[in-house]
C-alpha atoms as a PDB file:
ATOM      1  CA  MET A   1      12.395 -19.680 -39.749  1.00  0.00           C
ATOM      2  CA  GLN A   2      12.227 -20.686 -36.042  1.00  0.00           C
ATOM      3  CA  LEU A   3      16.046 -20.893 -35.753  1.00  0.00           C
ATOM      4  CA  ILE A   4      16.383 -17.406 -37.480  1.00  0.00           C
ATOM      5  CA  ALA A   5      13.941 -16.059 -34.917  1.00  0.00           C
ATOM      6  CA  ILE A   6      15.877 -17.632 -32.036  1.00  0.00           C
ATOM      7  CA  LEU A   7      19.170 -16.239 -33.227  1.00  0.00           C
ATOM      8  CA  LEU A   8      17.758 -12.826 -33.806  1.00  0.00           C
ATOM      9  CA  ALA A   9      16.089 -12.665 -30.393  1.00  0.00           C
ATOM     10  CA  THR A  10      19.204 -13.824 -28.517  1.00  0.00           C
ATOM     11  CA  LEU A  11      21.502 -11.347 -30.218  1.00  0.00           C
ATOM     12  CA  ILE A  12      19.160  -8.504 -29.571  1.00  0.00           C
ATOM     13  CA  ALA A  13      18.843  -9.576 -25.885  1.00  0.00           C
ATOM     14  CA  GLY A  14      22.544 -10.330 -25.520  1.00  0.00           C
ATOM     15  CA  ILE A  15      24.076  -7.400 -27.427  1.00  0.00           C
ATOM     16  CA  GLY A  16      21.177  -4.885 -27.310  1.00  0.00           C
ATOM     17  CA  SER A  17      21.163  -4.907 -23.440  1.00  0.00           C
ATOM     18  CA  VAL A  18      24.897  -4.002 -23.475  1.00  0.00           C
ATOM     19  CA  TRP A  19      24.412  -1.063 -25.719  1.00  0.00           C
ATOM     20  CA  ILE A  20      21.378   0.085 -23.706  1.00  0.00           C
ATOM     21  CA  ALA A  21      23.422  -0.163 -20.571  1.00  0.00           C
ATOM     22  CA  ALA A  22      26.279   1.814 -22.127  1.00  0.00           C
ATOM     23  CA  PHE A  23      23.795   4.514 -23.238  1.00  0.00           C
ATOM     24  CA  LEU A  24      22.253   4.780 -19.704  1.00  0.00           C
ATOM     25  CA  ILE A  25      25.807   5.044 -18.192  1.00  0.00           C
ATOM     26  CA  ARG A  26      26.495   7.960 -20.632  1.00  0.00           C
ATOM     27  CA  LEU A  27      23.297   9.715 -19.491  1.00  0.00           C
ATOM     28  CA  ARG A  28      24.638   9.863 -15.929  1.00  0.00           C
ATOM     29  CA  ARG A  29      26.195  13.107 -15.248  1.00  0.00           C
ATOM     30  CA  PRO A  30      29.660  12.956 -13.300  1.00  0.00           C
ATOM     31  CA  GLY A  31      28.677  13.466  -9.697  1.00  0.00           C
ATOM     32  CA  SER A  32      25.021  12.683 -10.118  1.00  0.00           C
ATOM     33  CA  PRO A  33      23.775   9.832  -7.855  1.00  0.00           C
ATOM     34  CA  GLY A  34      21.945   7.959 -10.630  1.00  0.00           C
ATOM     35  CA  ASP A  35      20.477   5.632  -7.839  1.00  0.00           C
ATOM     36  CA  ALA A  36      16.781   6.464  -8.827  1.00  0.00           C
ATOM     37  CA  GLY A  37      17.492   5.287 -12.358  1.00  0.00           C
ATOM     38  CA  ALA A  38      19.124   2.091 -11.086  1.00  0.00           C
ATOM     39  CA  GLN A  39      16.256   1.358  -8.721  1.00  0.00           C
ATOM     40  CA  SER A  40      13.734   1.959 -11.694  1.00  0.00           C
ATOM     41  CA  LEU A  41      15.620  -0.500 -13.910  1.00  0.00           C
ATOM     42  CA  LEU A  42      15.787  -3.154 -11.185  1.00  0.00           C
ATOM     43  CA  SER A  43      12.088  -2.736 -10.539  1.00  0.00           C
ATOM     44  CA  LEU A  44      11.178  -2.939 -14.222  1.00  0.00           C
ATOM     45  CA  ALA A  45      13.424  -6.054 -14.773  1.00  0.00           C
ATOM     46  CA  ALA A  46      11.913  -7.724 -11.678  1.00  0.00           C
ATOM     47  CA  GLY A  47       8.334  -7.193 -12.894  1.00  0.00           C
ATOM     48  CA  ALA A  48       9.249  -8.497 -16.395  1.00  0.00           C
ATOM     49  CA  LEU A  49      10.833 -11.633 -15.171  1.00  0.00           C
ATOM     50  CA  LEU A  50       7.990 -12.515 -12.714  1.00  0.00           C
ATOM     51  CA  ALA A  51       5.340 -11.834 -15.377  1.00  0.00           C
ATOM     52  CA  THR A  52       7.194 -14.023 -17.900  1.00  0.00           C
ATOM     53  CA  ALA A  53       7.544 -16.822 -15.457  1.00  0.00           C
ATOM     54  CA  PHE A  54       4.103 -16.838 -13.798  1.00  0.00           C
ATOM     55  CA  MET A  55       1.909 -15.678 -16.640  1.00  0.00           C
ATOM     56  CA  HIS A  56       3.581 -17.396 -19.627  1.00  0.00           C
ATOM     57  CA  LEU A  57       6.337 -19.994 -19.101  1.00  0.00           C
ATOM     58  CA  LEU A  58       4.708 -21.911 -16.320  1.00  0.00           C
ATOM     59  CA  PRO A  59       1.194 -21.844 -17.789  1.00  0.00           C
ATOM     60  CA  GLU A  60       2.536 -23.069 -21.107  1.00  0.00           C
ATOM     61  CA  ALA A  61       4.398 -26.023 -19.434  1.00  0.00           C
ATOM     62  CA  PHE A  62       1.388 -26.994 -17.393  1.00  0.00           C
ATOM     63  CA  GLU A  63      -0.857 -27.075 -20.477  1.00  0.00           C
ATOM     64  CA  ALA A  64       1.330 -30.068 -21.722  1.00  0.00           C
ATOM     65  CA  GLY A  65      -0.545 -32.533 -19.517  1.00  0.00           C
ATOM     66  CA  VAL A  66       2.479 -33.471 -17.416  1.00  0.00           C
ATOM     67  CA  GLU A  67       1.669 -34.316 -13.820  1.00  0.00           C
ATOM     68  CA  PRO A  68       1.674 -30.945 -11.802  1.00  0.00           C
ATOM     69  CA  GLY A  69       3.469 -32.417  -8.943  1.00  0.00           C
ATOM     70  CA  VAL A  70       6.368 -33.499 -11.298  1.00  0.00           C
ATOM     71  CA  LEU A  71       6.514 -30.041 -12.794  1.00  0.00           C
ATOM     72  CA  PHE A  72       6.556 -28.314  -9.313  1.00  0.00           C
ATOM     73  CA  GLY A  73       9.447 -30.684  -8.430  1.00  0.00           C
ATOM     74  CA  VAL A  74      11.359 -29.602 -11.424  1.00  0.00           C
ATOM     75  CA  LEU A  75      10.610 -25.908 -10.349  1.00  0.00           C
ATOM     76  CA  LEU A  76      11.914 -26.486  -6.898  1.00  0.00           C
ATOM     77  CA  GLY A  77      14.961 -28.339  -8.287  1.00  0.00           C
ATOM     78  CA  GLY A  78      15.617 -25.472 -10.716  1.00  0.00           C
ATOM     79  CA  LEU A  79      15.546 -22.903  -7.818  1.00  0.00           C
ATOM     80  CA  VAL A  80      17.985 -25.051  -5.828  1.00  0.00           C
ATOM     81  CA  LEU A  81      20.183 -25.501  -8.973  1.00  0.00           C
ATOM     82  CA  PHE A  82      20.496 -21.771  -9.520  1.00  0.00           C
ATOM     83  CA  PHE A  83      21.224 -21.320  -5.927  1.00  0.00           C
ATOM     84  CA  LEU A  84      24.106 -23.555  -6.174  1.00  0.00           C
ATOM     85  CA  LEU A  85      25.378 -22.077  -9.469  1.00  0.00           C
ATOM     86  CA  ASP A  86      25.234 -18.669  -7.722  1.00  0.00           C
ATOM     87  CA  LYS A  87      27.215 -20.133  -5.088  1.00  0.00           C
ATOM     88  CA  ALA A  88      29.752 -21.377  -7.483  1.00  0.00           C
ATOM     89  CA  GLU A  89      29.992 -17.957  -9.084  1.00  0.00           C
ATOM     90  CA  LEU A  90      28.927 -19.287 -12.343  1.00  0.00           C
ATOM     91  CA  TRP A  91      25.561 -17.727 -12.847  1.00  0.00           C
ATOM     92  CA  HIS A  92      25.083 -13.924 -12.315  1.00  0.00           C
ATOM     93  CA  HIS A  93      28.756 -13.433 -11.489  1.00  0.00           C
ATOM     94  CA  GLY A  94      28.351  -9.811 -10.423  1.00  0.00           C
ATOM     95  CA  HIS A  95      25.538 -10.395  -7.881  1.00  0.00           C
ATOM     96  CA  GLU A  96      27.188 -11.436  -4.656  1.00  0.00           C
ATOM     97  CA  HIS A  97      25.932  -9.249  -1.874  1.00  0.00           C
ATOM     98  CA  HIS A  98      28.376  -9.426   0.960  1.00  0.00           C
ATOM     99  CA  HIS A  99      26.919  -6.645   2.910  1.00  0.00           C
ATOM    100  CA  GLY A 100      29.466  -4.451   4.592  1.00  0.00           C
ATOM    101  CA  GLY A 101      28.807  -3.261   8.177  1.00  0.00           C
ATOM    102  CA  ASP A 102      27.621   0.312   8.452  1.00  0.00           C
ATOM    103  CA  ALA A 103      26.948   2.263  11.510  1.00  0.00           C
ATOM    104  CA  GLY A 104      23.708   0.274  12.186  1.00  0.00           C
ATOM    105  CA  GLY A 105      25.170  -3.060  11.207  1.00  0.00           C
ATOM    106  CA  HIS A 106      23.243  -3.176   7.963  1.00  0.00           C
ATOM    107  CA  GLY A 107      24.417  -2.917   4.413  1.00  0.00           C
ATOM    108  CA  HIS A 108      22.099  -2.887   1.521  1.00  0.00           C
ATOM    109  CA  ALA A 109      22.997  -3.741  -2.021  1.00  0.00           C
ATOM    110  CA  GLY A 110      21.213  -0.835  -3.361  1.00  0.00           C
ATOM    111  CA  ASP A 111      23.028   1.862  -1.051  1.00  0.00           C
ATOM    112  CA  HIS A 112      25.464   3.215  -3.567  1.00  0.00           C
ATOM    113  CA  GLY A 113      26.670   6.628  -4.130  1.00  0.00           C
ATOM    114  CA  ALA A 114      27.985   8.189  -7.416  1.00  0.00           C
ATOM    115  CA  GLY A 115      30.447   6.070  -9.293  1.00  0.00           C
ATOM    116  CA  HIS A 116      29.222   2.773  -7.986  1.00  0.00           C
ATOM    117  CA  ASP A 117      26.897   0.499  -9.825  1.00  0.00           C
ATOM    118  CA  HIS A 118      23.817  -1.132  -8.229  1.00  0.00           C
ATOM    119  CA  HIS A 119      25.414  -4.612  -8.182  1.00  0.00           C
ATOM    120  CA  GLY A 120      28.033  -3.707  -5.736  1.00  0.00           C
ATOM    121  CA  HIS A 121      30.972  -3.823  -8.152  1.00  0.00           C
ATOM    122  CA  GLY A 122      33.788  -2.019  -6.655  1.00  0.00           C
ATOM    123  CA  HIS A 123      31.923  -0.874  -3.699  1.00  0.00           C
ATOM    124  CA  PRO A 124      34.012  -0.995  -0.546  1.00  0.00           C
ATOM    125  CA  GLY A 125      31.348  -2.203   1.563  1.00  0.00           C
ATOM    126  CA  HIS A 126      30.617  -5.356  -0.616  1.00  0.00           C
ATOM    127  CA  GLY A 127      33.902  -7.095  -0.889  1.00  0.00           C
ATOM    128  CA  HIS A 128      33.387  -8.125  -4.394  1.00  0.00           C
ATOM    129  CA  GLY A 129      36.262 -10.540  -5.104  1.00  0.00           C
ATOM    130  CA  ARG A 130      36.213 -10.057  -8.936  1.00  0.00           C
ATOM    131  CA  SER A 131      36.403  -6.352  -9.257  1.00  0.00           C
ATOM    132  CA  ALA A 132      40.238  -6.641  -9.788  1.00  0.00           C
ATOM    133  CA  GLY A 133      39.884  -8.829 -12.758  1.00  0.00           C
ATOM    134  CA  GLY A 134      37.993  -7.821 -15.859  1.00  0.00           C
ATOM    135  CA  TRP A 135      38.485 -11.221 -17.589  1.00  0.00           C
ATOM    136  CA  ALA A 136      36.887 -12.944 -14.650  1.00  0.00           C
ATOM    137  CA  VAL A 137      33.842 -10.732 -15.071  1.00  0.00           C
ATOM    138  CA  LEU A 138      33.774 -11.553 -18.790  1.00  0.00           C
ATOM    139  CA  ALA A 139      34.013 -15.363 -18.291  1.00  0.00           C
ATOM    140  CA  GLY A 140      31.246 -15.352 -15.750  1.00  0.00           C
ATOM    141  CA  ASP A 141      29.109 -13.155 -17.987  1.00  0.00           C
ATOM    142  CA  SER A 142      29.632 -15.421 -20.939  1.00  0.00           C
ATOM    143  CA  VAL A 143      28.355 -18.365 -18.937  1.00  0.00           C
ATOM    144  CA  HIS A 144      25.374 -16.282 -17.798  1.00  0.00           C
ATOM    145  CA  CYS A 145      24.520 -15.235 -21.413  1.00  0.00           C
ATOM    146  CA  PHE A 146      24.807 -18.770 -22.623  1.00  0.00           C
ATOM    147  CA  GLY A 147      22.325 -19.982 -20.156  1.00  0.00           C
ATOM    148  CA  ASP A 148      19.975 -17.031 -21.171  1.00  0.00           C
ATOM    149  CA  GLY A 149      20.245 -18.153 -24.828  1.00  0.00           C
ATOM    150  CA  VAL A 150      19.330 -21.798 -23.842  1.00  0.00           C
ATOM    151  CA  LEU A 151      16.265 -20.482 -21.964  1.00  0.00           C
ATOM    152  CA  ILE A 152      15.109 -18.112 -24.746  1.00  0.00           C
ATOM    153  CA  ALA A 153      15.420 -21.040 -27.334  1.00  0.00           C
ATOM    154  CA  SER A 154      13.333 -23.290 -25.118  1.00  0.00           C
ATOM    155  CA  ALA A 155      10.556 -20.563 -25.022  1.00  0.00           C
ATOM    156  CA  PHE A 156      10.586 -20.137 -28.777  1.00  0.00           C
ATOM    157  CA  MET A 157      10.363 -23.914 -29.370  1.00  0.00           C
ATOM    158  CA  ALA A 158       7.108 -23.848 -27.368  1.00  0.00           C
ATOM    159  CA  ASP A 159       5.605 -20.767 -29.003  1.00  0.00           C
ATOM    160  CA  LEU A 160       6.790 -17.696 -31.015  1.00  0.00           C
ATOM    161  CA  ARG A 161       4.923 -15.271 -28.527  1.00  0.00           C
ATOM    162  CA  LEU A 162       6.498 -17.088 -25.622  1.00  0.00           C
ATOM    163  CA  GLY A 163       9.924 -16.714 -27.088  1.00  0.00           C
ATOM    164  CA  ALA A 164       9.536 -13.014 -27.773  1.00  0.00           C
ATOM    165  CA  VAL A 165       8.358 -12.484 -24.093  1.00  0.00           C
ATOM    166  CA  ALA A 166      11.270 -14.423 -22.785  1.00  0.00           C
ATOM    167  CA  ALA A 167      13.763 -12.445 -24.821  1.00  0.00           C
ATOM    168  CA  LEU A 168      12.209  -9.276 -23.654  1.00  0.00           C
ATOM    169  CA  ALA A 169      12.492 -10.450 -20.016  1.00  0.00           C
ATOM    170  CA  VAL A 170      16.190 -11.363 -20.468  1.00  0.00           C
ATOM    171  CA  LEU A 171      16.764  -7.984 -22.106  1.00  0.00           C
ATOM    172  CA  ALA A 172      15.113  -6.118 -19.232  1.00  0.00           C
ATOM    173  CA  HIS A 173      17.159  -7.805 -16.499  1.00  0.00           C
ATOM    174  CA  GLU A 174      20.445  -7.839 -18.486  1.00  0.00           C
ATOM    175  CA  VAL A 175      20.497  -3.905 -18.855  1.00  0.00           C
ATOM    176  CA  PRO A 176      21.177  -3.333 -15.061  1.00  0.00           C
ATOM    177  CA  HIS A 177      23.546  -6.483 -15.122  1.00  0.00           C
ATOM    178  CA  HIS A 178      25.635  -5.053 -17.960  1.00  0.00           C
ATOM    179  CA  ILE A 179      25.827  -1.570 -16.272  1.00  0.00           C
ATOM    180  CA  GLY A 180      27.561  -3.349 -13.476  1.00  0.00           C
ATOM    181  CA  ASP A 181      29.885  -5.096 -16.057  1.00  0.00           C
ATOM    182  CA  LEU A 182      30.855  -1.942 -17.791  1.00  0.00           C
ATOM    183  CA  VAL A 183      31.576  -0.009 -14.558  1.00  0.00           C
ATOM    184  CA  VAL A 184      33.869  -2.920 -13.345  1.00  0.00           C
ATOM    185  CA  LEU A 185      35.749  -3.068 -16.634  1.00  0.00           C
ATOM    186  CA  ARG A 186      36.051   0.748 -16.739  1.00  0.00           C
ATOM    187  CA  GLN A 187      37.729   0.527 -13.310  1.00  0.00           C
ATOM    188  CA  THR A 188      40.393  -1.986 -14.673  1.00  0.00           C
ATOM    189  CA  SER A 189      40.784  -0.016 -17.946  1.00  0.00           C
ATOM    190  CA  THR A 190      40.664   3.537 -19.042  1.00  0.00           C
ATOM    191  CA  ASP A 191      39.469   2.436 -22.576  1.00  0.00           C
ATOM    192  CA  ALA A 192      35.612   2.867 -22.436  1.00  0.00           C
ATOM    193  CA  ARG A 193      35.277   1.509 -26.055  1.00  0.00           C
ATOM    194  CA  ALA A 194      37.428  -1.572 -25.303  1.00  0.00           C
ATOM    195  CA  ALA A 195      35.114  -2.271 -22.285  1.00  0.00           C
ATOM    196  CA  LEU A 196      32.042  -1.894 -24.396  1.00  0.00           C
ATOM    197  CA  LEU A 197      33.481  -4.248 -27.062  1.00  0.00           C
ATOM    198  CA  LYS A 198      34.482  -6.882 -24.565  1.00  0.00           C
ATOM    199  CA  VAL A 199      31.085  -6.986 -22.926  1.00  0.00           C
ATOM    200  CA  SER A 200      29.312  -7.012 -26.339  1.00  0.00           C
ATOM    201  CA  LEU A 201      31.372 -10.001 -27.421  1.00  0.00           C
ATOM    202  CA  ALA A 202      30.316 -11.842 -24.193  1.00  0.00           C
ATOM    203  CA  GLY A 203      26.758 -10.883 -25.154  1.00  0.00           C
ATOM    204  CA  THR A 204      27.080 -12.747 -28.444  1.00  0.00           C
ATOM    205  CA  VAL A 205      27.465 -16.011 -26.469  1.00  0.00           C
ATOM    206  CA  THR A 206      23.669 -15.658 -25.921  1.00  0.00           C
ATOM    207  CA  ALA A 207      23.239 -16.675 -29.573  1.00  0.00           C
ATOM    208  CA  LEU A 208      25.374 -19.854 -29.068  1.00  0.00           C
ATOM    209  CA  GLY A 209      23.171 -20.756 -26.164  1.00  0.00           C
ATOM    210  CA  GLY A 210      20.210 -20.257 -28.389  1.00  0.00           C
ATOM    211  CA  LEU A 211      21.634 -22.367 -31.056  1.00  0.00           C
ATOM    212  CA  LEU A 212      22.388 -25.125 -28.526  1.00  0.00           C
ATOM    213  CA  GLY A 213      18.904 -24.895 -26.938  1.00  0.00           C
ATOM    214  CA  TRP A 214      17.330 -25.064 -30.349  1.00  0.00           C
ATOM    215  CA  TRP A 215      19.375 -28.291 -31.226  1.00  0.00           C
ATOM    216  CA  LEU A 216      18.585 -29.901 -27.831  1.00  0.00           C
ATOM    217  CA  VAL A 217      14.785 -29.190 -27.771  1.00  0.00           C
ATOM    218  CA  GLU A 218      14.474 -30.067 -31.399  1.00  0.00           C
ATOM    219  CA  ARG A 219      15.640 -33.613 -30.400  1.00  0.00           C
ATOM    220  CA  LEU A 220      13.872 -33.782 -27.014  1.00  0.00           C
ATOM    221  CA  GLN A 221      10.512 -32.395 -27.786  1.00  0.00           C
ATOM    222  CA  GLY A 222       8.962 -34.522 -25.058  1.00  0.00           C
ATOM    223  CA  LEU A 223      11.090 -32.700 -22.477  1.00  0.00           C
ATOM    224  CA  LEU A 224       9.909 -29.178 -23.611  1.00  0.00           C
ATOM    225  CA  PRO A 225       7.561 -28.702 -20.549  1.00  0.00           C
ATOM    226  CA  TYR A 226      10.513 -29.317 -18.243  1.00  0.00           C
ATOM    227  CA  PHE A 227      12.688 -26.885 -20.169  1.00  0.00           C
ATOM    228  CA  LEU A 228       9.937 -24.218 -19.823  1.00  0.00           C
ATOM    229  CA  VAL A 229       9.719 -24.753 -16.043  1.00  0.00           C
ATOM    230  CA  LEU A 230      13.538 -24.644 -15.750  1.00  0.00           C
ATOM    231  CA  ALA A 231      13.335 -21.398 -17.609  1.00  0.00           C
ATOM    232  CA  GLY A 232      10.650 -20.136 -15.272  1.00  0.00           C
ATOM    233  CA  SER A 233      12.587 -21.109 -12.236  1.00  0.00           C
ATOM    234  CA  SER A 234      15.640 -19.219 -13.560  1.00  0.00           C
ATOM    235  CA  PHE A 235      13.572 -16.064 -14.069  1.00  0.00           C
ATOM    236  CA  ILE A 236      11.877 -16.401 -10.652  1.00  0.00           C
ATOM    237  CA  TYR A 237      15.360 -16.946  -8.870  1.00  0.00           C
ATOM    238  CA  VAL A 238      16.899 -13.983 -10.476  1.00  0.00           C
ATOM    239  CA  ALA A 239      13.923 -11.780  -9.626  1.00  0.00           C
ATOM    240  CA  LEU A 240      13.441 -12.917  -6.060  1.00  0.00           C
ATOM    241  CA  ALA A 241      16.957 -13.736  -4.980  1.00  0.00           C
ATOM    242  CA  ASP A 242      18.878 -11.015  -6.877  1.00  0.00           C
ATOM    243  CA  LEU A 243      16.907  -8.041  -7.945  1.00  0.00           C
ATOM    244  CA  ILE A 244      14.217  -7.523  -5.391  1.00  0.00           C
ATOM    245  CA  PRO A 245      16.571  -7.767  -2.400  1.00  0.00           C
ATOM    246  CA  GLN A 246      18.365  -4.797  -3.928  1.00  0.00           C
ATOM    247  CA  LEU A 247      15.067  -2.852  -3.740  1.00  0.00           C
ATOM    248  CA  GLN A 248      14.357  -3.713  -0.064  1.00  0.00           C
ATOM    249  CA  ARG A 249      15.451  -0.409   1.426  1.00  0.00           C
ATOM    250  CA  ARG A 250      13.851   2.183   3.822  1.00  0.00           C
ATOM    251  CA  LEU A 251      12.486   4.727   1.309  1.00  0.00           C
ATOM    252  CA  SER A 252      10.041   7.519   1.253  1.00  0.00           C
ATOM    253  CA  ALA A 253       6.316   6.943   0.261  1.00  0.00           C
ATOM    254  CA  ARG A 254       7.093   8.597  -3.054  1.00  0.00           C
ATOM    255  CA  GLN A 255      10.128   6.485  -3.782  1.00  0.00           C
ATOM    256  CA  THR A 256       8.397   3.300  -2.754  1.00  0.00           C
ATOM    257  CA  GLY A 257       5.446   4.314  -4.977  1.00  0.00           C
ATOM    258  CA  ALA A 258       7.855   4.640  -7.889  1.00  0.00           C
ATOM    259  CA  GLN A 259       9.390   1.287  -7.277  1.00  0.00           C
ATOM    260  CA  VAL A 260       6.001  -0.316  -7.349  1.00  0.00           C
ATOM    261  CA  ALA A 261       5.046   1.602 -10.378  1.00  0.00           C
ATOM    262  CA  TRP A 262       8.032   0.469 -12.292  1.00  0.00           C
ATOM    263  CA  LEU A 263       7.537  -3.154 -11.160  1.00  0.00           C
ATOM    264  CA  LEU A 264       3.928  -2.917 -12.493  1.00  0.00           C
ATOM    265  CA  ALA A 265       5.212  -1.423 -15.762  1.00  0.00           C
ATOM    266  CA  GLY A 266       7.433  -4.426 -16.250  1.00  0.00           C
ATOM    267  CA  ILE A 267       4.442  -6.700 -15.949  1.00  0.00           C
ATOM    268  CA  VAL A 268       2.448  -4.534 -18.213  1.00  0.00           C
ATOM    269  CA  LEU A 269       5.376  -4.439 -20.788  1.00  0.00           C
ATOM    270  CA  VAL A 270       5.454  -8.203 -20.981  1.00  0.00           C
ATOM    271  CA  THR A 271       1.704  -8.444 -21.319  1.00  0.00           C
ATOM    272  CA  VAL A 272       1.626  -5.799 -24.190  1.00  0.00           C
ATOM    273  CA  VAL A 273       4.433  -7.420 -26.038  1.00  0.00           C
ATOM    274  CA  SER A 274       2.738 -10.814 -25.800  1.00  0.00           C
ATOM    275  CA  ARG A 275      -0.443  -9.492 -27.202  1.00  0.00           C
ATOM    276  CA  LEU A 276       1.162  -7.665 -29.931  1.00  0.00           C
ATOM    277  CA  VAL A 277       3.075 -10.727 -30.993  1.00  0.00           C
ATOM    278  CA  HIS A 278      -0.051 -12.816 -30.694  1.00  0.00           C
ATOM    279  CA  HIS A 279      -1.886 -10.348 -32.850  1.00  0.00           C
ATOM    280  CA  GLY A 280       0.855 -10.593 -35.475  1.00  0.00           C
ATOM    281  CA  GLU A 281       0.733 -14.407 -35.441  1.00  0.00           C
ATOM    282  CA  HIS A 282      -3.046 -14.293 -35.847  1.00  0.00           C
ATOM    283  CA  GLU A 283      -2.800 -11.924 -38.719  1.00  0.00           C
ATOM    284  CA  HIS A 284      -0.171 -14.055 -40.427  1.00  0.00           C
ATOM    285  CA  ALA A 285      -2.139 -17.257 -39.840  1.00  0.00           C
ATOM    286  CA  HIS A 286      -5.228 -15.647 -41.253  1.00  0.00           C
ATOM    287  CA  GLY A 287      -3.353 -14.382 -44.321  1.00  0.00           C
ATOM    288  CA  ASP A 288      -1.958 -17.901 -44.947  1.00  0.00           C
ATOM    289  CA  HIS A 289      -5.470 -19.352 -44.540  1.00  0.00           C
ATOM    290  CA  ALA A 290      -6.930 -16.853 -47.019  1.00  0.00           C
ATOM    291  CA  HIS A 291      -4.076 -17.629 -49.471  1.00  0.00           C
ATOM    292  CA  GLU A 292      -4.599 -21.339 -49.231  1.00  0.00           C
ATOM    293  CA  ALA A 293      -8.310 -20.938 -49.773  1.00  0.00           C
ATOM    294  CA  HIS A 294      -7.829 -18.731 -52.847  1.00  0.00           C
ATOM    295  CA  GLU A 295      -5.385 -21.312 -54.334  1.00  0.00           C
ATOM    296  CA  GLU A 296      -7.898 -24.052 -53.672  1.00  0.00           C
ATOM    297  CA  HIS A 297     -10.726 -22.005 -55.449  1.00  0.00           C
ATOM    298  CA  ASP A 298      -8.416 -21.404 -58.394  1.00  0.00           C
ATOM    299  CA  GLY A 299      -7.671 -25.149 -58.518  1.00  0.00           C
ATOM    300  CA  HIS A 300     -11.352 -25.992 -58.655  1.00  0.00           C
ATOM    301  CA  ARG A 301     -11.874 -23.453 -61.440  1.00  0.00           C
ATOM    302  CA  HIS A 302      -9.316 -25.191 -63.535  1.00  0.00           C
END
């Protein structure tokens, strides 16, 4: 049952995020900036990731009784690890922000016009080295999805509710990510369906990561708190080093308020999903207990 839940959650996060991204791209009218929508998605994803890490993954790990200093060391090591992976272009392949020089000497990752995604794919001011190679994008995306699958599986092995929340957080941050992937592939190919199929296939690798994560944690139960902290460090790194810097722009008070509102919406969304799953678990456990009590009563009657 646990493995089935992991596979379903990883497939939904991996492939569902691609299809949501494709749907949002279709909603953009030709010539419309679409930047407000991109900013909203980034804010929502950042809030969901931070809430999952600080309100669910890390507290669950610290409840295991491991020395806090050790877990904080793992958290720090994880942040450094993901920084190095980012440098090696193995993690979020589409998130290099080589800021181009504008009139004021500042280039922000979020300053895109129509036809450019919010990750900087194909933007002349970002010098994205991979925009010419769709297969390079897919290779990096597959590695990224595989890592996401391992993290989701680690959360599920600790608790069903935790796994559902982690899958939701991955889904939230993968949507803006895959918008960038689809834009890059559509620049290298005129076949939009082929681009969608390729990115969807890369998304299925999330399930392979989930399978490996389940296999590893099943055999290394004592290391589960460390897996959870590593997952938390990944979510924190993505939110603080990747998503939020793209939101750091000089905006009007109304636009800034919208960013904050979407960030809070991400936090609330994670909290609501957590409570719904917890309620479902409680009802299921209560039903099982009542069923066992009924069987025990029938046994005494016989």
